[in-house]
């Protein structure tokens, strides 16, 4: 069973991977907020469903492709 803490940790790992993909430390606050908004568009249940199939890095890659 995947706990709320597991989902929260996964969400944080995805967010950190998204930052790395978008420029790392050079990403400004506006860019970070944009990434947070993208990630917030996914519910805990949606993330929980995908966790067994996608690493945080794979999820970040999918979310940042545009």
PDB file of N, CA and C in Angstrom:
ATOM      1  N   UNK A   1       0.837  -1.185   0.000  1.00  0.00           N
ATOM      2  CA  UNK A   1       0.000   0.000   0.000  1.00  0.00           C
ATOM      3  C   UNK A   1       0.881   1.248   0.000  1.00  0.00           C
ATOM      4  N   UNK A   2       0.560   2.176  -0.827  1.00  0.00           N
ATOM      5  CA  UNK A   2       1.325   3.415  -0.929  1.00  0.00           C
ATOM      6  C   UNK A   2       0.708   4.444   0.015  1.00  0.00           C
ATOM      7  N   UNK A   3       1.517   4.952   0.937  1.00  0.00           N
ATOM      8  CA  UNK A   3       1.031   5.888   1.948  1.00  0.00           C
ATOM      9  C   UNK A   3       1.065   7.330   1.442  1.00  0.00           C
ATOM     10  N   UNK A   4       0.407   8.214   2.171  1.00  0.00           N
ATOM     11  CA  UNK A   4       0.420   9.646   1.878  1.00  0.00           C
ATOM     12  C   UNK A   4       1.857  10.167   1.930  1.00  0.00           C
ATOM     13  N   UNK A   5       2.636   9.688   2.880  1.00  0.00           N
ATOM     14  CA  UNK A   5       4.039  10.107   2.976  1.00  0.00           C
ATOM     15  C   UNK A   5       4.828   9.685   1.737  1.00  0.00           C
ATOM     16  N   UNK A   6       4.534   8.494   1.209  1.00  0.00           N
ATOM     17  CA  UNK A   6       5.192   8.023  -0.012  1.00  0.00           C
ATOM     18  C   UNK A   6       4.845   8.925  -1.192  1.00  0.00           C
ATOM     19  N   UNK A   7       3.580   9.293  -1.292  1.00  0.00           N
ATOM     20  CA  UNK A   7       3.130  10.169  -2.392  1.00  0.00           C
ATOM     21  C   UNK A   7       3.785  11.537  -2.260  1.00  0.00           C
ATOM     22  N   UNK A   8       3.818  12.069  -1.038  1.00  0.00           N
ATOM     23  CA  UNK A   8       4.450  13.378  -0.815  1.00  0.00           C
ATOM     24  C   UNK A   8       5.929  13.354  -1.179  1.00  0.00           C
ATOM     25  N   UNK A   9       6.613  12.281  -0.812  1.00  0.00           N
ATOM     26  CA  UNK A   9       8.038  12.154  -1.139  1.00  0.00           C
ATOM     27  C   UNK A   9       8.232  12.041  -2.653  1.00  0.00           C
ATOM     28  N   UNK A  10       7.380  11.279  -3.307  1.00  0.00           N
ATOM     29  CA  UNK A  10       7.442  11.124  -4.764  1.00  0.00           C
ATOM     30  C   UNK A  10       7.196  12.471  -5.441  1.00  0.00           C
ATOM     31  N   UNK A  11       6.171  13.198  -4.980  1.00  0.00           N
ATOM     32  CA  UNK A  11       5.857  14.515  -5.549  1.00  0.00           C
ATOM     33  C   UNK A  11       7.071  15.437  -5.434  1.00  0.00           C
ATOM     34  N   UNK A  12       7.746  15.425  -4.286  1.00  0.00           N
ATOM     35  CA  UNK A  12       8.928  16.267  -4.080  1.00  0.00           C
ATOM     36  C   UNK A  12      10.061  15.842  -5.009  1.00  0.00           C
ATOM     37  N   UNK A  13      10.250  14.550  -5.181  1.00  0.00           N
ATOM     38  CA  UNK A  13      11.299  14.054  -6.078  1.00  0.00           C
ATOM     39  C   UNK A  13      11.005  14.442  -7.525  1.00  0.00           C
ATOM     40  N   UNK A  14       9.747  14.379  -7.920  1.00  0.00           N
ATOM     41  CA  UNK A  14       9.360  14.792  -9.276  1.00  0.00           C
ATOM     42  C   UNK A  14       9.641  16.277  -9.454  1.00  0.00           C
ATOM     43  N   UNK A  15       9.252  17.070  -8.463  1.00  0.00           N
ATOM     44  CA  UNK A  15       9.474  18.519  -8.528  1.00  0.00           C
ATOM     45  C   UNK A  15      10.961  18.846  -8.669  1.00  0.00           C
ATOM     46  N   UNK A  16      11.793  18.197  -7.880  1.00  0.00           N
ATOM     47  CA  UNK A  16      13.234  18.433  -7.952  1.00  0.00           C
ATOM     48  C   UNK A  16      13.794  18.013  -9.308  1.00  0.00           C
ATOM     49  N   UNK A  17      13.296  16.926  -9.857  1.00  0.00           N
ATOM     50  CA  UNK A  17      13.732  16.486 -11.184  1.00  0.00           C
ATOM     51  C   UNK A  17      13.280  17.474 -12.250  1.00  0.00           C
ATOM     52  N   UNK A  18      12.077  18.029 -12.098  1.00  0.00           N
ATOM     53  CA  UNK A  18      11.579  19.027 -13.054  1.00  0.00           C
ATOM     54  C   UNK A  18      12.474  20.265 -13.037  1.00  0.00           C
ATOM     55  N   UNK A  19      12.880  20.681 -11.853  1.00  0.00           N
ATOM     56  CA  UNK A  19      13.774  21.839 -11.735  1.00  0.00           C
ATOM     57  C   UNK A  19      15.083  21.562 -12.462  1.00  0.00           C
ATOM     58  N   UNK A  20      15.644  20.376 -12.247  1.00  0.00           N
ATOM     59  CA  UNK A  20      16.908  20.033 -12.932  1.00  0.00           C
ATOM     60  C   UNK A  20      16.736  20.080 -14.449  1.00  0.00           C
ATOM     61  N   UNK A  21      15.609  19.586 -14.945  1.00  0.00           N
ATOM     62  CA  UNK A  21      15.367  19.564 -16.386  1.00  0.00           C
ATOM     63  C   UNK A  21      15.173  20.967 -16.967  1.00  0.00           C
ATOM     64  N   UNK A  22      14.729  21.887 -16.160  1.00  0.00           N
ATOM     65  CA  UNK A  22      14.451  23.243 -16.626  1.00  0.00           C
ATOM     66  C   UNK A  22      15.542  24.241 -16.295  1.00  0.00           C
ATOM     67  N   UNK A  23      16.696  23.784 -15.870  1.00  0.00           N
ATOM     68  CA  UNK A  23      17.799  24.717 -15.677  1.00  0.00           C
ATOM     69  C   UNK A  23      18.397  24.742 -14.294  1.00  0.00           C
ATOM     70  N   UNK A  24      17.868  23.949 -13.392  1.00  0.00           N
ATOM     71  CA  UNK A  24      18.461  23.850 -12.062  1.00  0.00           C
ATOM     72  C   UNK A  24      18.423  25.147 -11.291  1.00  0.00           C
ATOM     73  N   UNK A  25      19.549  25.479 -10.703  1.00  0.00           N
ATOM     74  CA  UNK A  25      19.643  26.663  -9.839  1.00  0.00           C
ATOM     75  C   UNK A  25      19.356  27.963 -10.589  1.00  0.00           C
ATOM     76  N   UNK A  26      19.512  27.977 -11.892  1.00  0.00           N
ATOM     77  CA  UNK A  26      19.281  29.204 -12.650  1.00  0.00           C
ATOM     78  C   UNK A  26      17.792  29.481 -12.880  1.00  0.00           C
ATOM     79  N   UNK A  27      16.926  28.533 -12.523  1.00  0.00           N
ATOM     80  CA  UNK A  27      15.487  28.711 -12.707  1.00  0.00           C
ATOM     81  C   UNK A  27      14.969  29.743 -11.708  1.00  0.00           C
ATOM     82  N   UNK A  28      14.268  30.763 -12.220  1.00  0.00           N
ATOM     83  CA  UNK A  28      13.767  31.819 -11.337  1.00  0.00           C
ATOM     84  C   UNK A  28      12.499  31.386 -10.601  1.00  0.00           C
ATOM     85  N   UNK A  29      12.043  32.236  -9.685  1.00  0.00           N
ATOM     86  CA  UNK A  29      10.867  31.913  -8.867  1.00  0.00           C
ATOM     87  C   UNK A  29       9.631  31.683  -9.717  1.00  0.00           C
ATOM     88  N   UNK A  30       9.454  32.481 -10.754  1.00  0.00           N
ATOM     89  CA  UNK A  30       8.300  32.314 -11.636  1.00  0.00           C
ATOM     90  C   UNK A  30       8.321  30.937 -12.295  1.00  0.00           C
ATOM     91  N   UNK A  31       9.473  30.514 -12.746  1.00  0.00           N
ATOM     92  CA  UNK A  31       9.611  29.197 -13.356  1.00  0.00           C
ATOM     93  C   UNK A  31       9.338  28.082 -12.369  1.00  0.00           C
ATOM     94  N   UNK A  32       9.784  28.262 -11.135  1.00  0.00           N
ATOM     95  CA  UNK A  32       9.527  27.257 -10.094  1.00  0.00           C
ATOM     96  C   UNK A  32       8.039  27.169  -9.774  1.00  0.00           C
ATOM     97  N   UNK A  33       7.369  28.320  -9.729  1.00  0.00           N
ATOM     98  CA  UNK A  33       5.927  28.324  -9.464  1.00  0.00           C
ATOM     99  C   UNK A  33       5.167  27.648 -10.603  1.00  0.00           C
ATOM    100  N   UNK A  34       5.617  27.868 -11.818  1.00  0.00           N
ATOM    101  CA  UNK A  34       4.992  27.214 -12.972  1.00  0.00           C
ATOM    102  C   UNK A  34       5.099  25.691 -12.842  1.00  0.00           C
ATOM    103  N   UNK A  35       6.271  25.215 -12.447  1.00  0.00           N
ATOM    104  CA  UNK A  35       6.459  23.774 -12.272  1.00  0.00           C
ATOM    105  C   UNK A  35       5.591  23.239 -11.143  1.00  0.00           C
ATOM    106  N   UNK A  36       5.488  23.999 -10.061  1.00  0.00           N
ATOM    107  CA  UNK A  36       4.628  23.577  -8.951  1.00  0.00           C
ATOM    108  C   UNK A  36       3.173  23.479  -9.405  1.00  0.00           C
ATOM    109  N   UNK A  37       2.740  24.443 -10.204  1.00  0.00           N
ATOM    110  CA  UNK A  37       1.360  24.431 -10.697  1.00  0.00           C
ATOM    111  C   UNK A  37       1.098  23.210 -11.575  1.00  0.00           C
ATOM    112  N   UNK A  38       2.061  22.881 -12.419  1.00  0.00           N
ATOM    113  CA  UNK A  38       1.915  21.696 -13.265  1.00  0.00           C
ATOM    114  C   UNK A  38       1.765  20.457 -12.396  1.00  0.00           C
ATOM    115  N   UNK A  39       2.614  20.339 -11.403  1.00  0.00           N
ATOM    116  CA  UNK A  39       2.594  19.163 -10.538  1.00  0.00           C
ATOM    117  C   UNK A  39       1.337  19.119  -9.673  1.00  0.00           C
ATOM    118  N   UNK A  40       0.865  20.289  -9.227  1.00  0.00           N
ATOM    119  CA  UNK A  40      -0.349  20.341  -8.407  1.00  0.00           C
ATOM    120  C   UNK A  40      -1.595  19.933  -9.196  1.00  0.00           C
ATOM    121  N   UNK A  41      -1.503  19.959 -10.518  1.00  0.00           N
ATOM    122  CA  UNK A  41      -2.655  19.569 -11.320  1.00  0.00           C
ATOM    123  C   UNK A  41      -2.917  18.063 -11.237  1.00  0.00           C
ATOM    124  N   UNK A  42      -2.007  17.326 -10.625  1.00  0.00           N
ATOM    125  CA  UNK A  42      -2.167  15.887 -10.437  1.00  0.00           C
ATOM    126  C   UNK A  42      -2.536  15.614  -8.983  1.00  0.00           C
ATOM    127  N   UNK A  43      -3.624  14.892  -8.786  1.00  0.00           N
ATOM    128  CA  UNK A  43      -4.052  14.540  -7.435  1.00  0.00           C
ATOM    129  C   UNK A  43      -3.123  13.475  -6.863  1.00  0.00           C
ATOM    130  N   UNK A  44      -3.219  13.298  -5.553  1.00  0.00           N
ATOM    131  CA  UNK A  44      -2.451  12.239  -4.901  1.00  0.00           C
ATOM    132  C   UNK A  44      -2.811  10.885  -5.505  1.00  0.00           C
ATOM    133  N   UNK A  45      -4.089  10.675  -5.789  1.00  0.00           N
ATOM    134  CA  UNK A  45      -4.527   9.398  -6.360  1.00  0.00           C
ATOM    135  C   UNK A  45      -3.920   9.169  -7.744  1.00  0.00           C
ATOM    136  N   UNK A  46      -3.843  10.212  -8.545  1.00  0.00           N
ATOM    137  CA  UNK A  46      -3.251  10.076  -9.878  1.00  0.00           C
ATOM    138  C   UNK A  46      -1.762   9.743  -9.778  1.00  0.00           C
ATOM    139  N   UNK A  47      -1.079  10.424  -8.878  1.00  0.00           N
ATOM    140  CA  UNK A  47       0.344  10.128  -8.691  1.00  0.00           C
ATOM    141  C   UNK A  47       0.538   8.723  -8.153  1.00  0.00           C
ATOM    142  N   UNK A  48      -0.291   8.343  -7.198  1.00  0.00           N
ATOM    143  CA  UNK A  48      -0.198   7.005  -6.599  1.00  0.00           C
ATOM    144  C   UNK A  48      -0.366   5.934  -7.668  1.00  0.00           C
ATOM    145  N   UNK A  49      -1.286   6.158  -8.588  1.00  0.00           N
ATOM    146  CA  UNK A  49      -1.512   5.201  -9.662  1.00  0.00           C
ATOM    147  C   UNK A  49      -0.263   5.026 -10.525  1.00  0.00           C
ATOM    148  N   UNK A  50       0.439   6.125 -10.829  1.00  0.00           N
ATOM    149  CA  UNK A  50       1.594   6.066 -11.715  1.00  0.00           C
ATOM    150  C   UNK A  50       2.909   5.715 -11.063  1.00  0.00           C
ATOM    151  N   UNK A  51       2.977   5.817  -9.750  1.00  0.00           N
ATOM    152  CA  UNK A  51       4.248   5.593  -9.048  1.00  0.00           C
ATOM    153  C   UNK A  51       4.904   4.241  -9.348  1.00  0.00           C
ATOM    154  N   UNK A  52       4.149   3.150  -9.421  1.00  0.00           N
ATOM    155  CA  UNK A  52       4.811   1.862  -9.691  1.00  0.00           C
ATOM    156  C   UNK A  52       5.382   1.753 -11.110  1.00  0.00           C
ATOM    157  N   UNK A  53       4.955   2.637 -11.995  1.00  0.00           N
ATOM    158  CA  UNK A  53       5.322   2.527 -13.404  1.00  0.00           C
ATOM    159  C   UNK A  53       6.328   3.571 -13.872  1.00  0.00           C
ATOM    160  N   UNK A  54       6.454   4.678 -13.137  1.00  0.00           N
ATOM    161  CA  UNK A  54       7.316   5.788 -13.566  1.00  0.00           C
ATOM    162  C   UNK A  54       8.214   6.252 -12.432  1.00  0.00           C
ATOM    163  N   UNK A  55       9.502   6.358 -12.712  1.00  0.00           N
ATOM    164  CA  UNK A  55      10.402   6.955 -11.735  1.00  0.00           C
ATOM    165  C   UNK A  55      10.086   8.449 -11.649  1.00  0.00           C
ATOM    166  N   UNK A  56      10.518   9.111 -10.590  1.00  0.00           N
ATOM    167  CA  UNK A  56      10.311  10.557 -10.524  1.00  0.00           C
ATOM    168  C   UNK A  56      10.909  11.286 -11.735  1.00  0.00           C
ATOM    169  N   UNK A  57      12.045  10.803 -12.210  1.00  0.00           N
ATOM    170  CA  UNK A  57      12.691  11.437 -13.362  1.00  0.00           C
ATOM    171  C   UNK A  57      11.855  11.258 -14.635  1.00  0.00           C
ATOM    172  N   UNK A  58      11.278  10.073 -14.800  1.00  0.00           N
ATOM    173  CA  UNK A  58      10.429   9.829 -15.981  1.00  0.00           C
ATOM    174  C   UNK A  58       9.172  10.701 -15.923  1.00  0.00           C
ATOM    175  N   UNK A  59       8.591  10.809 -14.748  1.00  0.00           N
ATOM    176  CA  UNK A  59       7.402  11.644 -14.584  1.00  0.00           C
ATOM    177  C   UNK A  59       7.746  13.101 -14.863  1.00  0.00           C
ATOM    178  N   UNK A  60       8.875  13.554 -14.349  1.00  0.00           N
ATOM    179  CA  UNK A  60       9.314  14.939 -14.588  1.00  0.00           C
ATOM    180  C   UNK A  60       9.507  15.198 -16.072  1.00  0.00           C
ATOM    181  N   UNK A  61      10.097  14.252 -16.764  1.00  0.00           N
ATOM    182  CA  UNK A  61      10.319  14.391 -18.202  1.00  0.00           C
ATOM    183  C   UNK A  61       8.974  14.530 -18.933  1.00  0.00           C
ATOM    184  N   UNK A  62       8.015  13.702 -18.584  1.00  0.00           N
ATOM    185  CA  UNK A  62       6.692  13.766 -19.232  1.00  0.00           C
ATOM    186  C   UNK A  62       6.021  15.108 -18.950  1.00  0.00           C
ATOM    187  N   UNK A  63       6.140  15.608 -17.726  1.00  0.00           N
ATOM    188  CA  UNK A  63       5.464  16.843 -17.347  1.00  0.00           C
ATOM    189  C   UNK A  63       6.113  18.086 -17.923  1.00  0.00           C
ATOM    190  N   UNK A  64       7.394  18.015 -18.233  1.00  0.00           N
ATOM    191  CA  UNK A  64       8.085  19.195 -18.747  1.00  0.00           C
ATOM    192  C   UNK A  64       8.201  19.219 -20.259  1.00  0.00           C
ATOM    193  N   UNK A  65       7.754  18.150 -20.932  1.00  0.00           N
ATOM    194  CA  UNK A  65       7.763  18.144 -22.386  1.00  0.00           C
ATOM    195  C   UNK A  65       6.671  19.070 -22.902  1.00  0.00           C
ATOM    196  N   UNK A  66       7.061  19.965 -23.776  1.00  0.00           N
ATOM    197  CA  UNK A  66       6.072  20.892 -24.342  1.00  0.00           C
ATOM    198  C   UNK A  66       6.501  21.322 -25.696  1.00  0.00           C
TER     199      UNK A  66
END
